[in-house]
Every structure is written in C-alpha cells, then in structure tokens.
Amino acid sequence: MPTLVAVQDQAGNTATLGSGQVTTFAVDNTKPSVNLSYLIDGATYVAAPRAVRGADGGMTVRATFTNTASLGPTPTLTIASTQFSVPVGPQAMNPTADPLVWEYRQAVPTSGDGTITLTVNGADPAGNTVTETNEFMRVDNSLPYVTSITRV
C-alpha cells in the first residue's frame, strides 16, 4: 500500500505526497512590520502625534504594513487612557485602496487633558504577528494662563 502524507501550513498551502514523491514549499518566518502615522482633521499625515484639542475634531491613525505581500485577518487596535473614556477591547481597522494600509479615526475628547495610547496588531497569512504601541493623542484642552506680567 502506498504511503500518503497530506500537509497544510498556516497560510493554507496544502500538499499530498505518495510513496517516493518529493515536494518543496516555502516557510515564512518573517514577521511583518508596521509604520504608524497620524492625521488631524484637515491636516497632513505626520510621523508623531502633536498636542490636540477638542476643536480639532478627530485624529486618524494610519498603519502601513511592510515585509509582507498581504495580511491575514483584519488588523486591530486597542486604545488605552487613564484620563478619558475610550472604546473597550480591540477595534477593527478600516481598509484603504492599498491592502497594506489600514486606518482608524478617533474623536478628540472635548474636555480634560491627558494622553491616549494605542496598540496596533496585525498578522500575515502565515501567522507571523506584529504589535506596535505608541502615544496616539496628547490632549490639551486647557486655556493658557499668565503667571506674571513684567513691565518693560
């Protein structure tokens, strides 16, 4: 009776081998990378967030994945803050025309000061994962005040 072996990798590639047959397949152990950039309503994408205020409306994070030809499941992000109420649990990011670029928009809190951080998670079809944590917003809704006036 011939020996049959059926194999399947995490990316879904399959092969069935009979006695005496040989096959090769690529093993993908390279994890994807992600670059985060930010857009404040009406502005351009910047590499690092700047201070924002409620009047700015919202901020969009753009995650650009590299070192992979495609992504597996939809990338997610988790938002955290001790000063503000933020969505709980992983949030699905939104696709763009480029399958390696994903976005998520968050409203800027209209009162209070503090920071909001986010963690973006993604994976390629082989199951290699990437996680990136960054400060997302530095919220400053306080009016400036004068501490002293000096006559000149």
Protein backbone atom coordinates (compact mmCIF):
# COMPACT_ATOMS: atom_id res chain seq x y z
CA MET A 1 0.00 0.00 0.00
CA PRO A 2 1.47 3.41 -0.96
CA THR A 3 2.30 5.85 1.79
CA LEU A 4 0.34 9.11 1.58
CA VAL A 5 1.12 12.20 3.55
CA ALA A 6 -1.06 15.30 3.46
CA VAL A 7 0.31 18.52 4.88
CA GLN A 8 -1.02 22.05 5.29
CA ASP A 9 0.81 25.11 6.56
CA GLN A 10 -0.68 28.06 8.48
CA ALA A 11 -1.08 30.02 5.24
CA GLY A 12 -3.38 27.28 3.86
CA ASN A 13 -0.92 25.76 1.36
CA THR A 14 -1.53 22.02 1.01
CA ALA A 15 0.35 19.10 -0.49
CA THR A 16 -0.32 15.36 -0.71
CA LEU A 17 2.62 13.04 -1.21
CA GLY A 18 2.65 9.43 -2.30
CA SER A 19 5.46 6.97 -1.74
CA GLY A 20 8.64 8.19 -3.44
CA GLN A 21 7.30 11.69 -4.20
CA VAL A 22 9.13 14.84 -3.15
CA THR A 23 7.74 18.34 -2.85
CA THR A 24 9.09 21.65 -1.63
CA PHE A 25 7.33 24.61 -0.08
CA ALA A 26 8.42 27.89 1.38
CA VAL A 27 8.34 28.50 5.11
CA ASP A 28 7.51 32.10 6.02
CA ASN A 29 9.02 33.05 9.37
CA THR A 30 9.37 36.78 8.58
CA LYS A 31 7.11 38.90 10.72
CA PRO A 32 5.52 41.96 9.12
CA SER A 33 6.44 45.48 10.20
CA VAL A 34 4.12 48.42 10.72
CA ASN A 35 4.70 52.16 10.46
CA LEU A 36 2.18 54.45 12.17
CA SER A 37 1.37 57.96 11.03
CA TYR A 38 -1.33 60.38 12.15
CA LEU A 39 -3.77 62.80 10.54
CA ILE A 40 -5.51 65.55 12.45
CA ASP A 41 -8.70 66.62 10.68
CA GLY A 42 -7.81 68.92 7.80
CA ALA A 43 -4.05 68.41 8.10
CA THR A 44 -1.48 66.05 6.60
CA TYR A 45 -0.12 62.79 7.96
CA VAL A 46 2.73 63.22 10.42
CA ALA A 47 5.13 60.69 11.91
CA ALA A 48 4.45 61.56 15.55
CA PRO A 49 1.33 62.96 17.17
CA ARG A 50 1.29 66.52 18.41
CA ALA A 51 -0.88 68.08 21.05
CA VAL A 52 -4.55 68.16 20.03
CA ARG A 53 -7.68 69.78 21.44
CA GLY A 54 -11.38 69.05 21.17
CA ALA A 55 -11.79 71.70 18.46
CA ASP A 56 -9.51 69.61 16.20
CA GLY A 57 -12.40 67.16 15.81
CA GLY A 58 -10.68 63.84 15.35
CA MET A 59 -7.42 62.09 14.70
CA THR A 60 -6.83 59.22 12.29
CA VAL A 61 -4.07 56.68 12.73
CA ARG A 62 -2.74 55.12 9.52
CA ALA A 63 -0.97 51.76 9.81
CA THR A 64 1.24 50.88 6.83
CA PHE A 65 2.38 47.25 6.92
CA THR A 66 5.60 46.09 5.23
CA ASN A 67 7.65 42.88 4.90
CA THR A 68 4.58 41.01 3.70
CA ALA A 69 2.68 40.68 0.42
CA SER A 70 -0.69 40.56 2.19
CA LEU A 71 -2.29 40.49 5.62
CA GLY A 72 -4.20 37.70 7.27
CA PRO A 73 -7.09 38.80 9.48
CA THR A 74 -8.16 42.45 9.68
CA PRO A 75 -5.65 44.44 11.76
CA THR A 76 -6.96 45.72 15.09
CA LEU A 77 -6.04 48.41 17.54
CA THR A 78 -6.64 48.75 21.24
CA ILE A 79 -6.95 52.22 22.75
CA ALA A 80 -5.99 52.95 26.36
CA SER A 81 -6.24 56.02 28.60
CA THR A 82 -6.50 56.66 32.30
CA GLN A 83 -7.93 60.17 31.76
CA PHE A 84 -10.58 59.60 29.07
CA SER A 85 -13.35 57.18 28.20
CA VAL A 86 -12.20 55.19 25.16
CA PRO A 87 -13.57 52.18 23.23
CA VAL A 88 -13.04 48.92 25.12
CA GLY A 89 -11.30 45.96 23.51
CA PRO A 90 -9.76 45.52 20.08
CA GLN A 91 -11.27 47.74 17.36
CA ALA A 92 -11.18 46.65 13.70
CA MET A 93 -9.21 48.99 11.49
CA ASN A 94 -10.69 50.20 8.18
CA PRO A 95 -9.21 49.18 4.82
CA THR A 96 -7.97 51.67 2.23
CA ALA A 97 -7.37 51.20 -1.50
CA ASP A 98 -3.94 49.75 -0.61
CA PRO A 99 -4.35 46.31 1.05
CA LEU A 100 -1.35 47.00 3.29
CA VAL A 101 -2.64 50.37 4.58
CA TRP A 102 -5.37 50.49 7.25
CA GLU A 103 -6.89 53.41 9.17
CA TYR A 104 -8.90 54.16 12.30
CA ARG A 105 -10.43 57.51 13.32
CA GLN A 106 -10.98 58.55 16.92
CA ALA A 107 -12.73 61.71 18.14
CA VAL A 108 -10.60 64.04 20.23
CA PRO A 109 -12.02 64.46 23.77
CA THR A 110 -13.55 67.92 24.19
CA SER A 111 -12.64 68.38 27.86
CA GLY A 112 -9.74 67.50 30.09
CA ASP A 113 -6.05 66.95 29.46
CA GLY A 114 -4.07 63.74 29.15
CA THR A 115 -2.76 61.10 26.78
CA ILE A 116 -4.26 58.27 24.80
CA THR A 117 -2.10 55.35 23.66
CA LEU A 118 -2.86 52.70 21.10
CA THR A 119 -1.59 49.25 20.25
CA VAL A 120 -1.89 48.07 16.64
CA ASN A 121 -1.89 44.32 15.95
CA GLY A 122 -1.54 42.68 12.55
CA ALA A 123 -0.59 39.31 11.07
CA ASP A 124 0.35 37.89 7.70
CA PRO A 125 -1.34 34.79 6.23
CA ALA A 126 1.39 32.55 7.71
CA GLY A 127 0.50 33.73 11.23
CA ASN A 128 3.56 35.93 11.80
CA THR A 129 2.43 38.82 14.00
CA VAL A 130 3.41 42.42 14.62
CA THR A 131 2.44 44.65 17.55
CA GLU A 132 3.23 48.36 17.82
CA THR A 133 2.33 50.59 20.78
CA ASN A 134 2.50 54.38 20.50
CA GLU A 135 1.20 57.52 22.11
CA PHE A 136 -1.80 58.36 19.92
CA MET A 137 -3.00 61.71 21.30
CA ARG A 138 -1.67 64.24 23.72
CA VAL A 139 -4.88 66.11 24.57
CA ASP A 140 -4.63 69.70 25.78
CA ASN A 141 -8.00 71.42 26.25
CA SER A 142 -6.79 73.83 28.96
CA LEU A 143 -6.62 77.51 28.17
CA PRO A 144 -3.22 79.10 28.63
CA TYR A 145 -2.85 81.40 31.60
CA VAL A 146 -0.49 84.19 32.54
CA THR A 147 1.69 83.59 35.58
CA SER A 148 3.26 87.05 35.72
CA ILE A 149 3.42 90.34 33.87
CA THR A 150 6.60 92.36 33.81
CA ARG A 151 6.63 95.98 32.88
CA VAL A 152 9.38 96.93 30.43
